[in-house]
Amino acid sequence: MSRLAICPGSFDPVTFGHLDIIERAAKVFDHVIVAVFHNESKSPLFTVEERIQLLEDSTKHISNVSIDGHDGLLMDYARKKNADALVRGLRAISDFEYEMQITSMNRKLNEDIETFFVMTNNKYSFLSSSMVKEVAKFKANVSDLVPEAVDQALKDKFQNG
């Protein structure tokens, strides 16, 4: 029996912290779908299509990972894909309260899909996409925080608007 996990997020943009969670999930599950969602509460820098492309570039070394996009409820998407599990990354205690609320709602919507929390590597515990965008906007070096394709995309966005 093959085990499918979905690693959802907005990934605006993908960071090494995200990749750490994705790579570790790929070691546990037979297949991982990294699902890019449009988050209504955020103002994205990159389009969903751009984020999908950046994730494809950044995960091409992981054979059992695919990238997809979805606009709607995560649990509807998970049901459609016949997922067994969701994988969510945690950086700090402050993430836990928010993630617990989401997990409780997801469990109410579909109790057959388990959520697995993965603690990020300590060296990425401070890292967020928002922070990366803020620093990159002022032309600071973020090459040690994001994959090369993302670093270039950030430079292009902030130089060319």
N, C-alpha and C. Protein backbone atom coordinates (compact mmCIF):
# COMPACT_ATOMS: atom_id res chain seq x y z
N MET A 1 0.83 -1.18 0.00
CA MET A 1 0.00 0.00 0.00
C MET A 1 0.88 1.25 0.00
N SER A 2 0.60 2.14 -0.91
CA SER A 2 1.37 3.38 -1.04
C SER A 2 0.79 4.46 -0.14
N ARG A 3 1.65 5.19 0.53
CA ARG A 3 1.23 6.26 1.43
C ARG A 3 1.50 7.62 0.79
N LEU A 4 0.42 8.42 0.65
CA LEU A 4 0.51 9.73 0.03
C LEU A 4 0.30 10.82 1.07
N ALA A 5 1.21 11.77 1.10
CA ALA A 5 1.10 12.92 2.00
C ALA A 5 1.04 14.19 1.18
N ILE A 6 0.34 15.16 1.72
CA ILE A 6 0.29 16.48 1.12
C ILE A 6 0.98 17.45 2.07
N CYS A 7 1.87 18.24 1.51
CA CYS A 7 2.57 19.28 2.26
C CYS A 7 2.04 20.61 1.72
N PRO A 8 1.05 21.19 2.40
CA PRO A 8 0.41 22.40 1.88
C PRO A 8 1.09 23.68 2.37
N GLY A 9 0.89 24.74 1.61
CA GLY A 9 1.39 26.04 2.04
C GLY A 9 1.25 27.06 0.94
N SER A 10 1.63 28.28 1.28
CA SER A 10 1.60 29.33 0.25
C SER A 10 2.97 29.42 -0.45
N PHE A 11 4.05 29.11 0.25
CA PHE A 11 5.39 29.03 -0.35
C PHE A 11 5.71 30.29 -1.16
N ASP A 12 5.56 31.45 -0.53
CA ASP A 12 5.77 32.73 -1.22
C ASP A 12 6.90 33.51 -0.61
N PRO A 13 8.15 33.13 -0.91
CA PRO A 13 8.62 32.03 -1.74
C PRO A 13 9.05 30.83 -0.89
N VAL A 14 9.41 29.75 -1.58
CA VAL A 14 9.95 28.58 -0.91
C VAL A 14 11.32 28.93 -0.33
N THR A 15 11.55 28.45 0.90
CA THR A 15 12.82 28.70 1.59
C THR A 15 13.50 27.35 1.88
N PHE A 16 14.72 27.43 2.38
CA PHE A 16 15.40 26.20 2.80
C PHE A 16 14.67 25.54 3.97
N GLY A 17 13.96 26.31 4.76
CA GLY A 17 13.15 25.73 5.83
C GLY A 17 12.04 24.85 5.27
N HIS A 18 11.35 25.35 4.23
CA HIS A 18 10.34 24.53 3.55
C HIS A 18 10.96 23.27 2.97
N LEU A 19 12.08 23.43 2.30
CA LEU A 19 12.73 22.27 1.66
C LEU A 19 13.15 21.23 2.69
N ASP A 20 13.58 21.67 3.85
CA ASP A 20 13.94 20.75 4.92
C ASP A 20 12.73 19.87 5.28
N ILE A 21 11.57 20.47 5.44
CA ILE A 21 10.35 19.72 5.78
C ILE A 21 9.96 18.79 4.63
N ILE A 22 10.01 19.28 3.40
CA ILE A 22 9.63 18.48 2.22
C ILE A 22 10.56 17.27 2.07
N GLU A 23 11.86 17.49 2.20
CA GLU A 23 12.83 16.39 2.06
C GLU A 23 12.62 15.33 3.13
N ARG A 24 12.35 15.76 4.34
CA ARG A 24 12.15 14.81 5.43
C ARG A 24 10.84 14.05 5.26
N ALA A 25 9.80 14.72 4.78
CA ALA A 25 8.52 14.04 4.52
C ALA A 25 8.70 13.00 3.42
N ALA A 26 9.51 13.32 2.42
CA ALA A 26 9.74 12.39 1.30
C ALA A 26 10.46 11.12 1.74
N LYS A 27 11.16 11.17 2.87
CA LYS A 27 11.81 9.97 3.41
C LYS A 27 10.82 9.06 4.12
N VAL A 28 9.70 9.62 4.57
CA VAL A 28 8.72 8.87 5.35
C VAL A 28 7.57 8.35 4.50
N PHE A 29 7.14 9.14 3.52
CA PHE A 29 5.99 8.78 2.71
C PHE A 29 6.43 8.34 1.32
N ASP A 30 5.62 7.49 0.69
CA ASP A 30 5.95 7.00 -0.65
C ASP A 30 5.89 8.12 -1.69
N HIS A 31 4.93 9.01 -1.51
CA HIS A 31 4.83 10.16 -2.42
C HIS A 31 4.35 11.37 -1.62
N VAL A 32 4.92 12.53 -1.95
CA VAL A 32 4.54 13.79 -1.31
C VAL A 32 4.12 14.78 -2.39
N ILE A 33 2.93 15.31 -2.24
CA ILE A 33 2.49 16.39 -3.12
C ILE A 33 2.66 17.69 -2.34
N VAL A 34 3.46 18.58 -2.89
CA VAL A 34 3.60 19.91 -2.31
C VAL A 34 2.52 20.75 -2.99
N ALA A 35 1.53 21.15 -2.22
CA ALA A 35 0.36 21.85 -2.76
C ALA A 35 0.44 23.34 -2.43
N VAL A 36 0.50 24.14 -3.47
CA VAL A 36 0.55 25.59 -3.33
C VAL A 36 -0.87 26.12 -3.28
N PHE A 37 -1.18 26.80 -2.19
CA PHE A 37 -2.50 27.37 -2.00
C PHE A 37 -2.44 28.88 -2.01
N HIS A 38 -3.49 29.49 -2.51
CA HIS A 38 -3.63 30.94 -2.43
C HIS A 38 -4.21 31.26 -1.06
N ASN A 39 -3.48 32.01 -0.26
CA ASN A 39 -3.95 32.39 1.07
C ASN A 39 -4.56 33.79 0.98
N GLU A 40 -5.86 33.86 1.17
CA GLU A 40 -6.60 35.13 1.05
C GLU A 40 -6.10 36.20 2.03
N SER A 41 -5.52 35.78 3.14
CA SER A 41 -5.08 36.75 4.15
C SER A 41 -3.68 37.31 3.87
N LYS A 42 -3.04 36.84 2.82
CA LYS A 42 -1.70 37.32 2.49
C LYS A 42 -1.71 37.99 1.11
N SER A 43 -0.80 38.92 0.93
CA SER A 43 -0.61 39.55 -0.38
C SER A 43 0.65 38.95 -1.00
N PRO A 44 0.49 38.00 -1.91
CA PRO A 44 1.66 37.30 -2.43
C PRO A 44 2.53 38.15 -3.35
N LEU A 45 3.82 37.90 -3.30
CA LEU A 45 4.76 38.52 -4.21
C LEU A 45 4.77 37.77 -5.54
N PHE A 46 4.70 36.45 -5.46
CA PHE A 46 4.73 35.60 -6.65
C PHE A 46 3.34 35.04 -6.93
N THR A 47 3.03 34.84 -8.19
CA THR A 47 1.77 34.20 -8.56
C THR A 47 1.84 32.72 -8.18
N VAL A 48 0.71 32.07 -8.13
CA VAL A 48 0.69 30.63 -7.84
C VAL A 48 1.53 29.90 -8.88
N GLU A 49 1.41 30.28 -10.14
CA GLU A 49 2.17 29.63 -11.21
C GLU A 49 3.68 29.81 -11.01
N GLU A 50 4.10 31.01 -10.60
CA GLU A 50 5.52 31.25 -10.34
C GLU A 50 5.99 30.42 -9.15
N ARG A 51 5.18 30.33 -8.10
CA ARG A 51 5.56 29.54 -6.93
C ARG A 51 5.66 28.06 -7.27
N ILE A 52 4.75 27.58 -8.11
CA ILE A 52 4.83 26.18 -8.55
C ILE A 52 6.13 25.94 -9.31
N GLN A 53 6.47 26.84 -10.22
CA GLN A 53 7.71 26.68 -10.99
C GLN A 53 8.94 26.71 -10.08
N LEU A 54 8.96 27.64 -9.11
CA LEU A 54 10.10 27.71 -8.19
C LEU A 54 10.21 26.44 -7.35
N LEU A 55 9.08 25.89 -6.93
CA LEU A 55 9.10 24.63 -6.18
C LEU A 55 9.55 23.47 -7.05
N GLU A 56 9.10 23.44 -8.30
CA GLU A 56 9.56 22.37 -9.21
C GLU A 56 11.06 22.44 -9.39
N ASP A 57 11.59 23.64 -9.59
CA ASP A 57 13.05 23.81 -9.72
C ASP A 57 13.77 23.38 -8.44
N SER A 58 13.19 23.70 -7.30
CA SER A 58 13.85 23.46 -6.01
C SER A 58 13.74 22.03 -5.50
N THR A 59 12.80 21.26 -6.05
CA THR A 59 12.60 19.88 -5.57
C THR A 59 12.91 18.82 -6.62
N LYS A 60 13.47 19.22 -7.74
CA LYS A 60 13.71 18.25 -8.83
C LYS A 60 14.64 17.12 -8.41
N HIS A 61 15.41 17.30 -7.35
CA HIS A 61 16.31 16.26 -6.86
C HIS A 61 15.60 15.21 -6.00
N ILE A 62 14.30 15.41 -5.73
CA ILE A 62 13.55 14.48 -4.87
C ILE A 62 12.55 13.74 -5.76
N SER A 63 12.82 12.47 -6.04
CA SER A 63 12.05 11.72 -7.04
C SER A 63 10.60 11.47 -6.67
N ASN A 64 10.28 11.43 -5.40
CA ASN A 64 8.91 11.10 -5.00
C ASN A 64 8.11 12.32 -4.55
N VAL A 65 8.48 13.48 -5.07
CA VAL A 65 7.77 14.73 -4.77
C VAL A 65 7.23 15.31 -6.06
N SER A 66 5.96 15.74 -6.01
CA SER A 66 5.37 16.47 -7.14
C SER A 66 4.77 17.76 -6.60
N ILE A 67 4.58 18.70 -7.49
CA ILE A 67 4.08 20.02 -7.12
C ILE A 67 2.74 20.24 -7.80
N ASP A 68 1.81 20.84 -7.07
CA ASP A 68 0.48 21.11 -7.62
C ASP A 68 -0.03 22.40 -6.98
N GLY A 69 -1.06 22.95 -7.55
CA GLY A 69 -1.71 24.13 -6.99
C GLY A 69 -3.18 23.86 -6.78
N HIS A 70 -3.76 24.57 -5.84
CA HIS A 70 -5.20 24.40 -5.58
C HIS A 70 -5.74 25.68 -4.97
N ASP A 71 -6.97 25.99 -5.34
CA ASP A 71 -7.66 27.14 -4.78
C ASP A 71 -8.94 26.63 -4.16
N GLY A 72 -8.96 26.49 -2.86
CA GLY A 72 -10.12 25.96 -2.16
C GLY A 72 -9.70 25.35 -0.85
N LEU A 73 -10.57 24.53 -0.29
CA LEU A 73 -10.28 23.89 0.99
C LEU A 73 -9.24 22.79 0.85
N LEU A 74 -8.29 22.79 1.75
CA LEU A 74 -7.26 21.76 1.77
C LEU A 74 -7.87 20.37 1.87
N MET A 75 -8.86 20.20 2.72
CA MET A 75 -9.42 18.87 2.92
C MET A 75 -10.19 18.37 1.69
N ASP A 76 -10.77 19.27 0.93
CA ASP A 76 -11.39 18.86 -0.35
C ASP A 76 -10.31 18.36 -1.30
N TYR A 77 -9.20 19.08 -1.35
CA TYR A 77 -8.08 18.69 -2.20
C TYR A 77 -7.52 17.34 -1.74
N ALA A 78 -7.32 17.18 -0.45
CA ALA A 78 -6.77 15.93 0.10
C ALA A 78 -7.68 14.75 -0.23
N ARG A 79 -8.97 14.95 -0.12
CA ARG A 79 -9.94 13.89 -0.44
C ARG A 79 -9.85 13.53 -1.93
N LYS A 80 -9.78 14.55 -2.77
CA LYS A 80 -9.70 14.34 -4.22
C LYS A 80 -8.44 13.55 -4.61
N LYS A 81 -7.36 13.80 -3.90
CA LYS A 81 -6.08 13.12 -4.18
C LYS A 81 -5.94 11.79 -3.45
N ASN A 82 -6.92 11.43 -2.61
CA ASN A 82 -6.85 10.22 -1.80
C ASN A 82 -5.63 10.21 -0.88
N ALA A 83 -5.37 11.34 -0.28
CA ALA A 83 -4.22 11.47 0.61
C ALA A 83 -4.45 10.72 1.92
N ASP A 84 -3.37 10.24 2.48
CA ASP A 84 -3.40 9.59 3.79
C ASP A 84 -3.07 10.57 4.91
N ALA A 85 -2.29 11.60 4.55
CA ALA A 85 -1.77 12.47 5.60
C ALA A 85 -1.45 13.86 5.08
N LEU A 86 -1.38 14.78 6.02
CA LEU A 86 -0.88 16.13 5.79
C LEU A 86 0.41 16.27 6.57
N VAL A 87 1.36 16.99 6.02
CA VAL A 87 2.61 17.26 6.71
C VAL A 87 2.72 18.77 6.88
N ARG A 88 2.89 19.19 8.12
CA ARG A 88 2.99 20.61 8.45
C ARG A 88 4.29 20.84 9.22
N GLY A 89 4.98 21.90 8.89
CA GLY A 89 6.21 22.26 9.58
C GLY A 89 5.95 23.17 10.76
N LEU A 90 6.72 22.99 11.80
CA LEU A 90 6.66 23.85 12.98
C LEU A 90 8.03 24.45 13.23
N ARG A 91 8.06 25.76 13.45
CA ARG A 91 9.32 26.43 13.75
C ARG A 91 9.48 26.67 15.24
N ALA A 92 8.37 27.08 15.88
CA ALA A 92 8.45 27.48 17.29
C ALA A 92 7.11 27.20 17.96
N ILE A 93 7.07 27.38 19.25
CA ILE A 93 5.84 27.18 20.02
C ILE A 93 4.73 28.06 19.46
N SER A 94 5.06 29.25 19.03
CA SER A 94 4.04 30.16 18.50
C SER A 94 3.32 29.58 17.29
N ASP A 95 4.00 28.74 16.49
CA ASP A 95 3.35 28.08 15.35
C ASP A 95 2.34 27.03 15.82
N PHE A 96 2.61 26.42 16.96
CA PHE A 96 1.80 25.29 17.40
C PHE A 96 0.34 25.65 17.62
N GLU A 97 0.08 26.77 18.27
CA GLU A 97 -1.30 27.16 18.57
C GLU A 97 -2.10 27.34 17.28
N TYR A 98 -1.53 28.04 16.32
CA TYR A 98 -2.18 28.25 15.03
C TYR A 98 -2.41 26.92 14.31
N GLU A 99 -1.38 26.08 14.27
CA GLU A 99 -1.48 24.80 13.59
C GLU A 99 -2.48 23.86 14.27
N MET A 100 -2.58 23.94 15.58
CA MET A 100 -3.55 23.12 16.31
C MET A 100 -4.98 23.48 15.92
N GLN A 101 -5.25 24.78 15.76
CA GLN A 101 -6.58 25.22 15.34
C GLN A 101 -6.90 24.70 13.94
N ILE A 102 -5.96 24.82 13.03
CA ILE A 102 -6.16 24.34 11.65
C ILE A 102 -6.38 22.83 11.66
N THR A 103 -5.56 22.12 12.41
CA THR A 103 -5.66 20.66 12.46
C THR A 103 -7.00 20.22 13.03
N SER A 104 -7.47 20.91 14.04
CA SER A 104 -8.77 20.58 14.64
C SER A 104 -9.89 20.76 13.62
N MET A 105 -9.84 21.84 12.87
CA MET A 105 -10.86 22.07 11.84
C MET A 105 -10.74 21.02 10.73
N ASN A 106 -9.53 20.73 10.30
CA ASN A 106 -9.34 19.72 9.26
C ASN A 106 -9.85 18.36 9.72
N ARG A 107 -9.62 18.04 10.97
CA ARG A 107 -10.07 16.76 11.51
C ARG A 107 -11.60 16.70 11.54
N LYS A 108 -12.24 17.82 11.80
CA LYS A 108 -13.70 17.88 11.77
C LYS A 108 -14.21 17.65 10.35
N LEU A 109 -13.48 18.18 9.36
CA LEU A 109 -13.89 18.04 7.96
C LEU A 109 -13.63 16.64 7.41
N ASN A 110 -12.55 16.00 7.90
CA ASN A 110 -12.24 14.65 7.44
C ASN A 110 -11.33 13.97 8.46
N GLU A 111 -11.92 13.13 9.29
CA GLU A 111 -11.15 12.49 10.37
C GLU A 111 -10.27 11.34 9.88
N ASP A 112 -10.36 10.99 8.60
CA ASP A 112 -9.55 9.90 8.06
C ASP A 112 -8.15 10.34 7.64
N ILE A 113 -7.92 11.63 7.56
CA ILE A 113 -6.62 12.14 7.13
C ILE A 113 -5.87 12.67 8.35
N GLU A 114 -4.73 12.06 8.62
CA GLU A 114 -3.91 12.43 9.78
C GLU A 114 -3.01 13.61 9.44
N THR A 115 -2.68 14.39 10.44
CA THR A 115 -1.73 15.48 10.28
C THR A 115 -0.47 15.14 11.06
N PHE A 116 0.67 15.28 10.40
CA PHE A 116 1.96 15.04 11.02
C PHE A 116 2.71 16.36 11.08
N PHE A 117 3.21 16.69 12.26
CA PHE A 117 4.00 17.90 12.44
C PHE A 117 5.47 17.53 12.44
N VAL A 118 6.24 18.30 11.70
CA VAL A 118 7.68 18.08 11.62
C VAL A 118 8.36 19.36 12.11
N MET A 119 9.19 19.22 13.12
CA MET A 119 9.95 20.37 13.61
C MET A 119 11.05 20.69 12.61
N THR A 120 11.16 21.93 12.27
CA THR A 120 12.19 22.34 11.33
C THR A 120 13.57 22.20 11.95
N ASN A 121 14.54 22.09 11.11
CA ASN A 121 15.93 22.09 11.56
C ASN A 121 16.18 23.40 12.31
N ASN A 122 16.88 23.33 13.42
CA ASN A 122 17.13 24.53 14.23
C ASN A 122 17.73 25.68 13.44
N LYS A 123 18.54 25.38 12.45
CA LYS A 123 19.18 26.47 11.70
C LYS A 123 18.18 27.24 10.85
N TYR A 124 16.95 26.72 10.70
CA TYR A 124 15.92 27.43 9.94
C TYR A 124 14.76 27.89 10.83
N SER A 125 14.89 27.77 12.13
CA SER A 125 13.76 28.04 13.03
C SER A 125 13.31 29.51 13.01
N PHE A 126 14.17 30.40 12.60
CA PHE A 126 13.82 31.83 12.54
C PHE A 126 13.25 32.22 11.18
N LEU A 127 13.34 31.34 10.22
CA LEU A 127 13.11 31.67 8.82
C LEU A 127 11.64 31.65 8.43
N SER A 128 11.20 32.69 7.74
CA SER A 128 9.85 32.73 7.18
C SER A 128 9.92 33.37 5.80
N SER A 129 8.97 33.04 4.96
CA SER A 129 8.90 33.66 3.64
C SER A 129 8.75 35.17 3.74
N SER A 130 7.97 35.62 4.70
CA SER A 130 7.75 37.06 4.89
C SER A 130 9.07 37.76 5.20
N MET A 131 9.85 37.15 6.07
CA MET A 131 11.13 37.74 6.44
C MET A 131 12.08 37.78 5.24
N VAL A 132 12.10 36.70 4.47
CA VAL A 132 12.95 36.65 3.28
C VAL A 132 12.58 37.76 2.30
N LYS A 133 11.29 37.92 2.05
CA LYS A 133 10.84 38.98 1.13
C LYS A 133 11.22 40.36 1.63
N GLU A 134 11.03 40.59 2.92
CA GLU A 134 11.35 41.90 3.49
C GLU A 134 12.83 42.23 3.34
N VAL A 135 13.67 41.26 3.63
CA VAL A 135 15.12 41.47 3.54
C VAL A 135 15.55 41.62 2.08
N ALA A 136 15.00 40.79 1.21
CA ALA A 136 15.36 40.84 -0.22
C ALA A 136 14.92 42.14 -0.86
N LYS A 137 13.83 42.69 -0.38
CA LYS A 137 13.32 43.96 -0.93
C LYS A 137 14.38 45.06 -0.80
N PHE A 138 15.18 44.99 0.25
CA PHE A 138 16.22 45.98 0.48
C PHE A 138 17.58 45.51 -0.04
N LYS A 139 17.52 44.53 -0.95
CA LYS A 139 18.69 44.03 -1.67
C LYS A 139 19.75 43.39 -0.79
N ALA A 140 19.34 42.88 0.36
CA ALA A 140 20.26 42.12 1.22
C ALA A 140 20.42 40.71 0.65
N ASN A 141 21.50 40.08 0.96
CA ASN A 141 21.80 38.74 0.46
C ASN A 141 20.95 37.70 1.18
N VAL A 142 20.15 36.95 0.42
CA VAL A 142 19.35 35.87 1.00
C VAL A 142 19.72 34.51 0.39
N SER A 143 20.86 34.45 -0.28
CA SER A 143 21.25 33.23 -1.00
C SER A 143 21.47 32.03 -0.08
N ASP A 144 21.70 32.27 1.20
CA ASP A 144 21.86 31.16 2.14
C ASP A 144 20.54 30.78 2.82
N LEU A 145 19.44 31.40 2.39
CA LEU A 145 18.12 31.14 2.96
C LEU A 145 17.15 30.50 1.97
N VAL A 146 17.46 30.65 0.68
CA VAL A 146 16.55 30.18 -0.37
C VAL A 146 17.35 29.49 -1.48
N PRO A 147 16.71 28.60 -2.24
CA PRO A 147 17.39 27.99 -3.39
C PRO A 147 17.79 29.05 -4.43
N GLU A 148 18.75 28.69 -5.26
CA GLU A 148 19.30 29.62 -6.24
C GLU A 148 18.23 30.23 -7.15
N ALA A 149 17.30 29.41 -7.62
CA ALA A 149 16.25 29.91 -8.51
C ALA A 149 15.37 30.95 -7.80
N VAL A 150 15.13 30.75 -6.52
CA VAL A 150 14.33 31.69 -5.74
C VAL A 150 15.11 32.98 -5.52
N ASP A 151 16.38 32.85 -5.21
CA ASP A 151 17.23 34.03 -5.02
C ASP A 151 17.18 34.91 -6.28
N GLN A 152 17.32 34.29 -7.43
CA GLN A 152 17.29 35.04 -8.69
C GLN A 152 15.90 35.65 -8.93
N ALA A 153 14.86 34.89 -8.65
CA ALA A 153 13.49 35.39 -8.85
C ALA A 153 13.21 36.59 -7.94
N LEU A 154 13.70 36.55 -6.72
CA LEU A 154 13.54 37.68 -5.81
C LEU A 154 14.27 38.91 -6.33
N LYS A 155 15.49 38.72 -6.81
CA LYS A 155 16.25 39.84 -7.39
C LYS A 155 15.49 40.43 -8.57
N ASP A 156 14.98 39.56 -9.43
CA ASP A 156 14.22 40.02 -10.61
C ASP A 156 12.98 40.81 -10.19
N LYS A 157 12.25 40.31 -9.22
CA LYS A 157 11.02 40.98 -8.76
C LYS A 157 11.31 42.37 -8.21
N PHE A 158 12.33 42.45 -7.38
CA PHE A 158 12.59 43.72 -6.72
C PHE A 158 13.39 44.70 -7.58
N GLN A 159 14.06 44.20 -8.60
CA GLN A 159 14.74 45.12 -9.52
C GLN A 159 13.81 45.60 -10.62
N ASN A 160 12.93 44.70 -11.07
CA ASN A 160 12.07 45.02 -12.21
C ASN A 160 10.62 45.30 -11.82
N GLY A 161 10.31 45.17 -10.53
CA GLY A 161 8.94 45.41 -10.09
C GLY A 161 8.07 44.29 -10.48
